[in-house]
């Protein structure tokens, strides 16, 4: 038998959900957490994911509330779920028992659109060249997501050369060094891989 849900409204501070926040872990799980309202009657949190951007998240949530996950106050104050291939936003709303029905109230809590990130594993080794002011820097790159990860990595990653904490130059990766390579730089210099800002939500250095 389906539970019966209905909308309710509240403005009392003790009914408010606080400290709602989210993050993405290394395994591309979306992690949402919050602090339950001071009112102990608020025992539930409806949780749902969507690829849409509903104008009224609470109304969207109430279109089919029985299809959503329900987090119980006595068990936890967080929700974890794999993001999957498609970017998603997560919508939450607190609820409490009212007679034989579950009363759901807003405003709904909504995350940004969250993307599963490609992980770029970088390894850098420095080898000094005897009787020279230069050194050889070997690096290797490994991308999750197979071919798609490599394509994204080529567009998103750059290697930067620094000397005495001063940026000397930023360089793109070409096909020959996409999975690894080496360069010669001065012994006083070092390289660092960086992510272009436009791609920050799609890739992470590990």
Protein backbone atom coordinates (compact mmCIF):
# COMPACT_ATOMS: atom_id res chain seq x y z
CA UNK A 1 0.00 0.00 0.00
CA UNK A 2 1.39 3.39 -0.99
CA UNK A 3 1.96 5.96 1.70
CA UNK A 4 -0.18 9.07 1.45
CA UNK A 5 1.72 12.33 1.16
CA UNK A 6 0.43 15.88 1.32
CA UNK A 7 2.00 19.31 1.23
CA UNK A 8 2.26 21.45 4.34
CA UNK A 9 3.79 24.84 5.07
CA UNK A 10 5.78 26.05 8.05
CA UNK A 11 7.71 29.16 9.00
CA UNK A 12 8.73 28.22 12.54
CA UNK A 13 12.53 28.18 13.02
CA UNK A 14 12.40 24.86 14.84
CA UNK A 15 11.06 23.23 11.66
CA UNK A 16 13.97 24.39 9.52
CA UNK A 17 16.61 22.04 8.11
CA UNK A 18 20.07 23.59 8.45
CA UNK A 19 23.66 22.95 7.36
CA UNK A 20 22.64 21.35 4.08
CA UNK A 21 25.74 20.67 1.98
CA UNK A 22 27.07 18.27 -0.63
CA UNK A 23 30.28 16.91 -2.09
CA UNK A 24 31.52 14.24 -4.53
CA UNK A 25 33.86 11.54 -3.26
CA UNK A 26 36.70 9.81 -5.13
CA UNK A 27 34.33 7.05 -6.30
CA UNK A 28 31.89 9.57 -7.82
CA UNK A 29 29.27 9.19 -5.14
CA UNK A 30 27.21 12.25 -4.32
CA UNK A 31 27.24 12.85 -0.56
CA UNK A 32 24.57 15.11 0.93
CA UNK A 33 24.32 15.96 4.61
CA UNK A 34 22.23 18.22 6.83
CA UNK A 35 21.20 18.95 10.40
CA UNK A 36 17.75 17.84 11.34
CA UNK A 37 15.26 20.45 12.59
CA UNK A 38 15.04 21.12 16.32
CA UNK A 39 11.46 19.86 16.28
CA UNK A 40 11.78 16.10 16.93
CA UNK A 41 8.53 15.39 15.06
CA UNK A 42 10.36 15.94 11.77
CA UNK A 43 11.50 12.37 11.26
CA UNK A 44 11.83 12.00 7.48
CA UNK A 45 13.58 13.44 4.48
CA UNK A 46 12.44 12.73 0.93
CA UNK A 47 15.41 12.42 -1.43
CA UNK A 48 15.33 12.28 -5.23
CA UNK A 49 17.63 12.78 -8.21
CA UNK A 50 16.79 14.41 -11.51
CA UNK A 51 18.57 15.42 -14.70
CA UNK A 52 16.03 18.25 -15.05
CA UNK A 53 16.00 21.75 -13.60
CA UNK A 54 12.43 22.07 -12.27
CA UNK A 55 11.17 25.61 -11.69
CA UNK A 56 9.45 24.43 -8.50
CA UNK A 57 11.56 21.63 -6.96
CA UNK A 58 9.04 20.93 -4.19
CA UNK A 59 6.17 20.56 -6.68
CA UNK A 60 8.35 18.25 -8.79
CA UNK A 61 9.13 16.16 -5.71
CA UNK A 62 5.42 15.82 -4.91
CA UNK A 63 4.45 14.61 -8.39
CA UNK A 64 5.34 11.05 -7.37
CA UNK A 65 6.62 11.08 -3.78
CA UNK A 66 6.29 7.30 -3.36
CA UNK A 67 9.02 6.81 -5.96
CA UNK A 68 11.62 8.71 -3.92
CA UNK A 69 13.98 7.49 -1.23
CA UNK A 70 13.06 8.29 2.37
CA UNK A 71 15.80 8.98 4.91
CA UNK A 72 14.80 8.37 8.54
CA UNK A 73 15.97 10.71 11.27
CA UNK A 74 16.75 7.91 13.72
CA UNK A 75 19.19 6.33 11.28
CA UNK A 76 21.26 9.10 9.71
CA UNK A 77 21.61 12.73 8.64
CA UNK A 78 23.18 12.12 5.28
CA UNK A 79 22.43 10.52 1.92
CA UNK A 80 24.89 8.84 -0.44
CA UNK A 81 24.25 7.68 -3.99
CA UNK A 82 26.34 7.05 -7.14
CA UNK A 83 25.99 9.88 -9.67
CA UNK A 84 26.19 7.61 -12.72
CA UNK A 85 26.84 8.66 -16.30
CA UNK A 86 24.39 11.56 -16.51
CA UNK A 87 24.85 14.72 -14.39
CA UNK A 88 22.17 15.09 -11.75
CA UNK A 89 20.85 17.49 -9.18
CA UNK A 90 19.43 16.18 -5.91
CA UNK A 91 16.25 17.47 -4.31
CA UNK A 92 15.28 16.99 -0.66
CA UNK A 93 12.32 17.95 1.49
CA UNK A 94 11.66 17.24 5.19
CA UNK A 95 8.49 15.56 6.37
CA UNK A 96 6.62 14.39 9.47
CA UNK A 97 3.66 12.18 10.35
CA UNK A 98 0.31 13.93 10.47
CA UNK A 99 -2.43 11.49 11.28
CA UNK A 100 -2.24 8.71 8.70
CA UNK A 101 -0.46 10.90 6.17
CA UNK A 102 3.09 12.15 5.72
CA UNK A 103 3.20 15.94 5.57
CA UNK A 104 5.99 17.30 3.35
CA UNK A 105 7.03 20.93 3.55
CA UNK A 106 9.51 23.28 1.94
CA UNK A 107 11.43 25.05 0.83
CA UNK A 108 13.04 22.13 -0.97
CA UNK A 109 16.79 21.69 -0.59
CA UNK A 110 18.53 21.48 -3.96
CA UNK A 111 22.13 20.75 -4.96
CA UNK A 112 23.95 22.11 -7.97
CA UNK A 113 24.07 19.89 -11.04
CA UNK A 114 26.65 17.29 -10.04
CA UNK A 115 28.92 15.52 -12.51
CA UNK A 116 30.78 12.24 -12.16
CA UNK A 117 34.41 13.28 -12.58
CA UNK A 118 37.14 11.69 -14.63
CA UNK A 119 40.10 11.03 -12.35
CA UNK A 120 43.56 11.84 -13.65
CA UNK A 121 46.36 10.09 -11.79
CA UNK A 122 49.66 11.94 -12.19
CA UNK A 123 53.13 10.70 -11.27
CA UNK A 124 56.21 12.93 -11.60
CA UNK A 125 59.87 11.87 -11.21
CA UNK A 126 62.84 14.23 -11.32
CA UNK A 127 66.33 13.06 -12.40
CA UNK A 128 69.26 15.42 -12.20
CA UNK A 129 71.72 15.39 -15.09
CA UNK A 130 75.33 15.33 -13.81
CA UNK A 131 77.50 18.36 -14.66
CA UNK A 132 74.47 20.17 -16.08
CA UNK A 133 72.12 22.91 -14.95
CA UNK A 134 69.19 20.86 -16.32
CA UNK A 135 67.22 17.89 -15.10
CA UNK A 136 64.90 15.40 -16.75
CA UNK A 137 61.31 15.26 -15.54
CA UNK A 138 59.43 12.05 -16.33
CA UNK A 139 55.68 11.96 -15.85
CA UNK A 140 52.90 9.46 -16.37
CA UNK A 141 49.16 10.03 -16.69
CA UNK A 142 46.33 7.59 -16.22
CA UNK A 143 42.69 8.53 -16.78
CA UNK A 144 39.56 6.79 -15.59
CA UNK A 145 36.76 6.44 -18.09
CA UNK A 146 38.90 4.78 -20.78
CA UNK A 147 38.99 6.68 -24.09
CA UNK A 148 36.52 9.34 -22.98
CA UNK A 149 38.74 10.10 -20.01
CA UNK A 150 41.80 10.57 -22.21
CA UNK A 151 39.95 12.92 -24.55
CA UNK A 152 38.76 15.02 -21.63
CA UNK A 153 42.22 14.96 -20.08
CA UNK A 154 43.82 16.30 -23.23
CA UNK A 155 41.45 19.27 -23.25
CA UNK A 156 41.37 19.88 -19.51
CA UNK A 157 44.96 19.39 -18.36
CA UNK A 158 47.99 21.58 -18.81
CA UNK A 159 51.44 21.35 -17.33
CA UNK A 160 52.90 24.48 -15.84
CA UNK A 161 56.58 25.22 -15.31
CA UNK A 162 57.53 27.20 -12.21
CA UNK A 163 60.80 28.68 -11.07
CA UNK A 164 61.16 30.01 -7.53
CA UNK A 165 57.34 29.89 -7.20
CA UNK A 166 57.02 32.06 -10.31
CA UNK A 167 55.06 30.78 -13.28
CA UNK A 168 57.28 30.46 -16.34
CA UNK A 169 54.80 28.97 -18.83
CA UNK A 170 51.75 26.75 -19.31
CA UNK A 171 51.71 24.06 -21.99
CA UNK A 172 49.10 21.79 -23.57
CA UNK A 173 49.33 18.01 -23.79
CA UNK A 174 49.68 16.58 -27.27
CA UNK A 175 48.88 13.03 -28.34
CA UNK A 176 52.48 11.90 -27.93
CA UNK A 177 52.59 12.71 -24.24
CA UNK A 178 48.95 12.15 -23.32
CA UNK A 179 49.76 9.06 -21.24
CA UNK A 180 53.25 10.11 -20.25
CA UNK A 181 56.49 11.61 -21.38
CA UNK A 182 59.44 13.66 -20.27
CA UNK A 183 60.81 17.16 -20.56
CA UNK A 184 64.07 18.87 -19.67
CA UNK A 185 63.96 21.90 -17.42
CA UNK A 186 66.41 23.76 -15.23
CA UNK A 187 67.24 22.27 -11.86
CA UNK A 188 65.74 25.34 -10.24
CA UNK A 189 62.42 24.71 -11.95
CA UNK A 190 59.57 22.27 -11.34
CA UNK A 191 56.40 21.28 -13.15
CA UNK A 192 52.87 20.99 -11.91
CA UNK A 193 49.77 19.69 -13.67
CA UNK A 194 46.78 21.98 -13.52
CA UNK A 195 43.15 21.81 -14.61
CA UNK A 196 41.72 24.55 -16.76
CA UNK A 197 38.96 26.33 -14.89
CA UNK A 198 36.30 25.54 -17.51
CA UNK A 199 36.82 21.81 -16.88
CA UNK A 200 37.10 21.85 -13.08
CA UNK A 201 33.73 20.18 -12.53
CA UNK A 202 34.51 17.32 -14.93
CA UNK A 203 37.99 16.13 -13.89
CA UNK A 204 40.00 15.73 -10.70
CA UNK A 205 43.72 15.20 -10.10
CA UNK A 206 44.55 12.31 -7.79
